[in-house]
Structure formats: C-alpha cells, structure tokens
PDB file of N, CA and C in Angstrom:
ATOM      1  N   MET A   1    -176.922  29.886 160.040  1.00  0.00           N
ATOM      2  CA  MET A   1    -175.568  29.727 160.726  1.00  0.00           C
ATOM      3  C   MET A   1    -175.246  30.871 161.891  1.00  0.00           C
ATOM      4  N   GLN A   2    -175.248  31.852 161.237  1.00  0.00           N
ATOM      5  CA  GLN A   2    -174.919  32.993 162.082  1.00  0.00           C
ATOM      6  C   GLN A   2    -175.731  33.209 163.674  1.00  0.00           C
ATOM      7  N   ARG A   3    -176.774  32.795 163.609  1.00  0.00           N
ATOM      8  CA  ARG A   3    -177.440  32.694 164.871  1.00  0.00           C
ATOM      9  C   ARG A   3    -176.947  31.421 165.681  1.00  0.00           C
ATOM     10  N   VAL A   4    -176.847  30.369 164.912  1.00  0.00           N
ATOM     11  CA  VAL A   4    -176.839  29.089 165.647  1.00  0.00           C
ATOM     12  C   VAL A   4    -175.286  29.355 166.594  1.00  0.00           C
ATOM     13  N   MET A   5    -174.198  30.008 165.721  1.00  0.00           N
ATOM     14  CA  MET A   5    -173.232  30.257 166.225  1.00  0.00           C
ATOM     15  C   MET A   5    -172.911  31.222 167.319  1.00  0.00           C
ATOM     16  N   GLY A   6    -174.053  32.299 167.473  1.00  0.00           N
ATOM     17  CA  GLY A   6    -174.059  33.131 168.083  1.00  0.00           C
ATOM     18  C   GLY A   6    -173.395  34.642 167.827  1.00  0.00           C
ATOM     19  N   HIS A   7    -173.234  34.315 166.719  1.00  0.00           N
ATOM     20  CA  HIS A   7    -172.502  35.660 166.300  1.00  0.00           C
ATOM     21  C   HIS A   7    -173.456  37.059 165.690  1.00  0.00           C
ATOM     22  N   GLU A   8    -173.186  38.095 166.473  1.00  0.00           N
ATOM     23  CA  GLU A   8    -174.035  39.326 165.842  1.00  0.00           C
ATOM     24  C   GLU A   8    -173.644  39.313 164.325  1.00  0.00           C
ATOM     25  N   GLN A   9    -172.963  39.484 163.836  1.00  0.00           N
ATOM     26  CA  GLN A   9    -172.441  39.848 162.378  1.00  0.00           C
ATOM     27  C   GLN A   9    -172.099  38.403 161.856  1.00  0.00           C
ATOM     28  N   ALA A  10    -172.793  38.281 160.419  1.00  0.00           N
ATOM     29  CA  ALA A  10    -172.828  37.248 159.500  1.00  0.00           C
ATOM     30  C   ALA A  10    -171.281  37.098 159.109  1.00  0.00           C
ATOM     31  N   SER A  11    -170.588  38.370 159.028  1.00  0.00           N
ATOM     32  CA  SER A  11    -168.928  38.220 158.607  1.00  0.00           C
ATOM     33  C   SER A  11    -167.998  37.858 159.613  1.00  0.00           C
ATOM     34  N   THR A  12    -168.542  37.881 160.805  1.00  0.00           N
ATOM     35  CA  THR A  12    -167.764  37.107 161.711  1.00  0.00           C
ATOM     36  C   THR A  12    -168.036  35.533 161.327  1.00  0.00           C
ATOM     37  N   THR A  13    -169.041  35.203 161.046  1.00  0.00           N
ATOM     38  CA  THR A  13    -169.343  33.701 161.140  1.00  0.00           C
ATOM     39  C   THR A  13    -168.380  33.086 159.691  1.00  0.00           C
ATOM     40  N   LEU A  14    -168.530  34.003 158.844  1.00  0.00           N
ATOM     41  CA  LEU A  14    -167.850  33.918 157.435  1.00  0.00           C
ATOM     42  C   LEU A  14    -166.144  33.833 157.580  1.00  0.00           C
ATOM     43  N   ASN A  15    -165.775  34.841 158.193  1.00  0.00           N
ATOM     44  CA  ASN A  15    -164.496  35.193 158.222  1.00  0.00           C
ATOM     45  C   ASN A  15    -163.756  33.519 159.152  1.00  0.00           C
ATOM     46  N   ARG A  16    -164.510  32.962 160.211  1.00  0.00           N
ATOM     47  CA  ARG A  16    -164.223  32.333 161.036  1.00  0.00           C
ATOM     48  C   ARG A  16    -164.446  30.912 160.517  1.00  0.00           C
ATOM     49  N   TYR A  17    -165.421  30.334 159.410  1.00  0.00           N
ATOM     50  CA  TYR A  17    -165.804  29.283 159.095  1.00  0.00           C
ATOM     51  C   TYR A  17    -165.797  28.880 157.512  1.00  0.00           C
ATOM     52  N   THR A  18    -164.804  30.005 156.927  1.00  0.00           N
ATOM     53  CA  THR A  18    -164.751  29.587 155.436  1.00  0.00           C
ATOM     54  C   THR A  18    -163.380  29.979 155.004  1.00  0.00           C
ATOM     55  N   HIS A  19    -162.904  29.148 154.369  1.00  0.00           N
ATOM     56  CA  HIS A  19    -161.543  29.382 153.531  1.00  0.00           C
ATOM     57  C   HIS A  19    -161.300  28.808 152.345  1.00  0.00           C
ATOM     58  N   ALA A  20    -160.651  29.191 151.442  1.00  0.00           N
ATOM     59  CA  ALA A  20    -160.220  28.299 150.199  1.00  0.00           C
ATOM     60  C   ALA A  20    -158.721  27.704 150.531  1.00  0.00           C
ATOM     61  N   PRO A  21    -158.959  26.467 150.036  1.00  0.00           N
ATOM     62  CA  PRO A  21    -157.670  25.522 150.292  1.00  0.00           C
ATOM     63  C   PRO A  21    -156.337  26.478 149.231  1.00  0.00           C
ATOM     64  N   ASP A  22    -155.150  26.099 149.840  1.00  0.00           N
ATOM     65  CA  ASP A  22    -153.977  26.677 148.988  1.00  0.00           C
ATOM     66  C   ASP A  22    -153.944  26.779 147.550  1.00  0.00           C
ATOM     67  N   ASP A  23    -154.146  25.774 147.020  1.00  0.00           N
ATOM     68  CA  ASP A  23    -154.239  25.327 145.491  1.00  0.00           C
ATOM     69  C   ASP A  23    -155.297  25.670 145.114  1.00  0.00           C
ATOM     70  N   TYR A  24    -156.537  26.691 145.535  1.00  0.00           N
ATOM     71  CA  TYR A  24    -157.471  26.797 144.985  1.00  0.00           C
ATOM     72  C   TYR A  24    -157.744  27.486 143.485  1.00  0.00           C
ATOM     73  N   ALA A  25    -156.488  28.512 143.347  1.00  0.00           N
ATOM     74  CA  ALA A  25    -156.452  29.478 142.202  1.00  0.00           C
ATOM     75  C   ALA A  25    -155.606  28.343 141.323  1.00  0.00           C
ATOM     76  N   ALA A  26    -155.010  27.290 141.450  1.00  0.00           N
ATOM     77  CA  ALA A  26    -154.219  26.436 140.366  1.00  0.00           C
ATOM     78  C   ALA A  26    -155.441  25.439 140.172  1.00  0.00           C
ATOM     79  N   ARG A  27    -156.678  25.183 140.644  1.00  0.00           N
ATOM     80  CA  ARG A  27    -157.863  24.465 140.543  1.00  0.00           C
ATOM     81  C   ARG A  27    -158.716  25.077 139.787  1.00  0.00           C
ATOM     82  N   VAL A  28    -159.202  26.463 139.948  1.00  0.00           N
ATOM     83  CA  VAL A  28    -160.175  26.991 139.684  1.00  0.00           C
ATOM     84  C   VAL A  28    -159.800  27.935 138.541  1.00  0.00           C
ATOM     85  N   LEU A  29    -158.468  28.382 137.988  1.00  0.00           N
ATOM     86  CA  LEU A  29    -158.566  29.527 137.080  1.00  0.00           C
ATOM     87  C   LEU A  29    -158.437  28.764 135.819  1.00  0.00           C
ATOM     88  N   PRO A  30    -157.972  27.532 135.538  1.00  0.00           N
ATOM     89  CA  PRO A  30    -158.026  26.604 134.449  1.00  0.00           C
ATOM     90  C   PRO A  30    -159.418  26.390 133.863  1.00  0.00           C
ATOM     91  N   ALA A  31    -160.252  26.188 134.819  1.00  0.00           N
ATOM     92  CA  ALA A  31    -161.794  26.007 134.684  1.00  0.00           C
ATOM     93  C   ALA A  31    -162.364  27.175 134.047  1.00  0.00           C
ATOM     94  N   PHE A  32    -161.907  28.435 134.561  1.00  0.00           N
ATOM     95  CA  PHE A  32    -162.435  29.510 133.790  1.00  0.00           C
ATOM     96  C   PHE A  32    -161.913  30.192 132.574  1.00  0.00           C
ATOM     97  N   GLU A  33    -160.594  29.816 132.456  1.00  0.00           N
ATOM     98  CA  GLU A  33    -159.718  29.878 131.020  1.00  0.00           C
ATOM     99  C   GLU A  33    -160.751  29.100 130.209  1.00  0.00           C
ATOM    100  N   ASP A  34    -161.006  27.999 130.650  1.00  0.00           N
ATOM    101  CA  ASP A  34    -161.399  26.570 129.529  1.00  0.00           C
ATOM    102  C   ASP A  34    -162.702  27.325 129.460  1.00  0.00           C
ATOM    103  N   LEU A  35    -163.900  27.951 130.217  1.00  0.00           N
ATOM    104  CA  LEU A  35    -164.830  28.652 129.958  1.00  0.00           C
ATOM    105  C   LEU A  35    -164.795  29.414 129.122  1.00  0.00           C
ATOM    106  N   LEU A  36    -164.341  30.616 129.619  1.00  0.00           N
ATOM    107  CA  LEU A  36    -163.845  32.129 128.598  1.00  0.00           C
ATOM    108  C   LEU A  36    -163.487  31.265 126.895  1.00  0.00           C
ATOM    109  N   ARG A  37    -162.426  30.646 126.642  1.00  0.00           N
ATOM    110  CA  ARG A  37    -162.076  30.097 125.408  1.00  0.00           C
ATOM    111  C   ARG A  37    -163.312  29.662 124.835  1.00  0.00           C
ATOM    112  N   THR A  38    -163.899  28.738 125.687  1.00  0.00           N
ATOM    113  CA  THR A  38    -165.140  27.906 124.486  1.00  0.00           C
ATOM    114  C   THR A  38    -166.073  28.942 124.399  1.00  0.00           C
ATOM    115  N   ALA A  39    -166.308  29.958 125.173  1.00  0.00           N
ATOM    116  CA  ALA A  39    -167.354  30.820 125.209  1.00  0.00           C
ATOM    117  C   ALA A  39    -167.078  31.715 123.894  1.00  0.00           C
ATOM    118  N   ALA A  40    -165.710  32.357 124.276  1.00  0.00           N
ATOM    119  CA  ALA A  40    -165.142  33.431 122.912  1.00  0.00           C
ATOM    120  C   ALA A  40    -164.945  32.727 121.991  1.00  0.00           C
ATOM    121  N   PHE A  41    -164.112  31.760 121.829  1.00  0.00           N
ATOM    122  CA  PHE A  41    -163.202  31.216 120.514  1.00  0.00           C
ATOM    123  C   PHE A  41    -164.043  29.857 120.279  1.00  0.00           C
ATOM    124  N   GLY A  42    -164.559  29.064 120.818  1.00  0.00           N
ATOM    125  CA  GLY A  42    -164.841  27.930 120.524  1.00  0.00           C
ATOM    126  C   GLY A  42    -163.497  27.252 121.269  1.00  0.00           C
ATOM    127  N   ARG A  43    -163.519  25.891 121.070  1.00  0.00           N
ATOM    128  CA  ARG A  43    -162.447  24.983 121.906  1.00  0.00           C
ATOM    129  C   ARG A  43    -160.995  25.605 121.491  1.00  0.00           C
ATOM    130  N   LYS A  44    -160.509  26.319 120.303  1.00  0.00           N
ATOM    131  CA  LYS A  44    -159.347  27.058 120.005  1.00  0.00           C
ATOM    132  C   LYS A  44    -159.182  28.371 120.254  1.00  0.00           C
ATOM    133  N   ALA A  45    -158.117  28.900 120.844  1.00  0.00           N
ATOM    134  CA  ALA A  45    -157.901  30.436 121.104  1.00  0.00           C
ATOM    135  C   ALA A  45    -157.664  30.954 119.231  1.00  0.00           C
ATOM    136  N   PRO A  46    -157.752  32.121 119.114  1.00  0.00           N
ATOM    137  CA  PRO A  46    -156.994  32.683 118.124  1.00  0.00           C
ATOM    138  C   PRO A  46    -155.620  32.868 118.328  1.00  0.00           C
ATOM    139  N   PRO A  47    -155.059  33.071 116.681  1.00  0.00           N
ATOM    140  CA  PRO A  47    -153.619  33.582 116.899  1.00  0.00           C
ATOM    141  C   PRO A  47    -153.733  34.703 117.668  1.00  0.00           C
ATOM    142  N   GLY A  48    -152.351  34.615 118.577  1.00  0.00           N
ATOM    143  CA  GLY A  48    -151.894  35.782 119.213  1.00  0.00           C
ATOM    144  C   GLY A  48    -152.897  36.094 120.226  1.00  0.00           C
ATOM    145  N   SER A  49    -153.451  35.212 120.927  1.00  0.00           N
ATOM    146  CA  SER A  49    -154.211  35.109 121.859  1.00  0.00           C
ATOM    147  C   SER A  49    -153.300  34.880 123.021  1.00  0.00           C
ATOM    148  N   THR A  50    -153.752  35.607 124.243  1.00  0.00           N
ATOM    149  CA  THR A  50    -152.803  35.853 125.463  1.00  0.00           C
ATOM    150  C   THR A  50    -153.120  34.449 126.197  1.00  0.00           C
ATOM    151  N   PHE A  51    -153.943  33.554 126.001  1.00  0.00           N
ATOM    152  CA  PHE A  51    -154.252  32.087 126.641  1.00  0.00           C
ATOM    153  C   PHE A  51    -153.211  31.638 126.436  1.00  0.00           C
ATOM    154  N   ASP A  52    -152.756  30.969 127.830  1.00  0.00           N
ATOM    155  CA  ASP A  52    -151.248  30.048 127.391  1.00  0.00           C
ATOM    156  C   ASP A  52    -151.910  28.813 127.623  1.00  0.00           C
ATOM    157  N   GLU A  53    -151.348  28.233 125.805  1.00  0.00           N
ATOM    158  CA  GLU A  53    -151.542  27.380 125.105  1.00  0.00           C
ATOM    159  C   GLU A  53    -150.999  25.977 125.961  1.00  0.00           C
ATOM    160  N   ASP A  54    -149.952  25.864 126.361  1.00  0.00           N
ATOM    161  CA  ASP A  54    -148.909  24.881 127.141  1.00  0.00           C
ATOM    162  C   ASP A  54    -149.514  24.762 128.299  1.00  0.00           C
ATOM    163  N   GLY A  55    -150.071  25.228 128.927  1.00  0.00           N
ATOM    164  CA  GLY A  55    -150.385  25.124 130.400  1.00  0.00           C
ATOM    165  C   GLY A  55    -149.572  25.063 131.696  1.00  0.00           C
ATOM    166  N   ASP A  56    -148.298  25.913 131.230  1.00  0.00           N
ATOM    167  CA  ASP A  56    -147.290  25.760 131.997  1.00  0.00           C
ATOM    168  C   ASP A  56    -147.398  27.431 133.088  1.00  0.00           C
ATOM    169  N   ASP A  57    -148.179  28.171 132.696  1.00  0.00           N
ATOM    170  CA  ASP A  57    -148.339  29.327 133.464  1.00  0.00           C
ATOM    171  C   ASP A  57    -149.854  29.735 133.254  1.00  0.00           C
ATOM    172  N   LEU A  58    -150.244  30.331 134.206  1.00  0.00           N
ATOM    173  CA  LEU A  58    -151.678  31.289 134.170  1.00  0.00           C
ATOM    174  C   LEU A  58    -151.694  32.365 134.250  1.00  0.00           C
TER     175      LEU A  58
END
C-alpha cells in the first residue's frame, strides 16, 4: 500500500489511513477482560479479584 500511495515511509501511510473508532476501548477491553478471566480462572473471577463484576467500570 505504501508504494501504491507513493509514500516513502510506511509510517506515513499508517498514520494517514489507519485509525481507531472513538469507542474502540469500550468495545475491546471487555473482550480482553473476558479472555483473561477465562484463561486464568475459568468463567468466575476469584474472591478479591480486581475484575469489575458489575461491568460499570473498566
């Protein structure tokens, strides 16, 4: 893509044509939290866990 667009550096292409939506963190972080919870503890977090069980805060 860099060559097609005529950019000398790949970073120019990436900076210009890639972005994350405003709600990216709100959509992605819960998926990672669920992945970590499942990998480490099964479906339930252990007592005293820092995982937010009620989902109102990341």
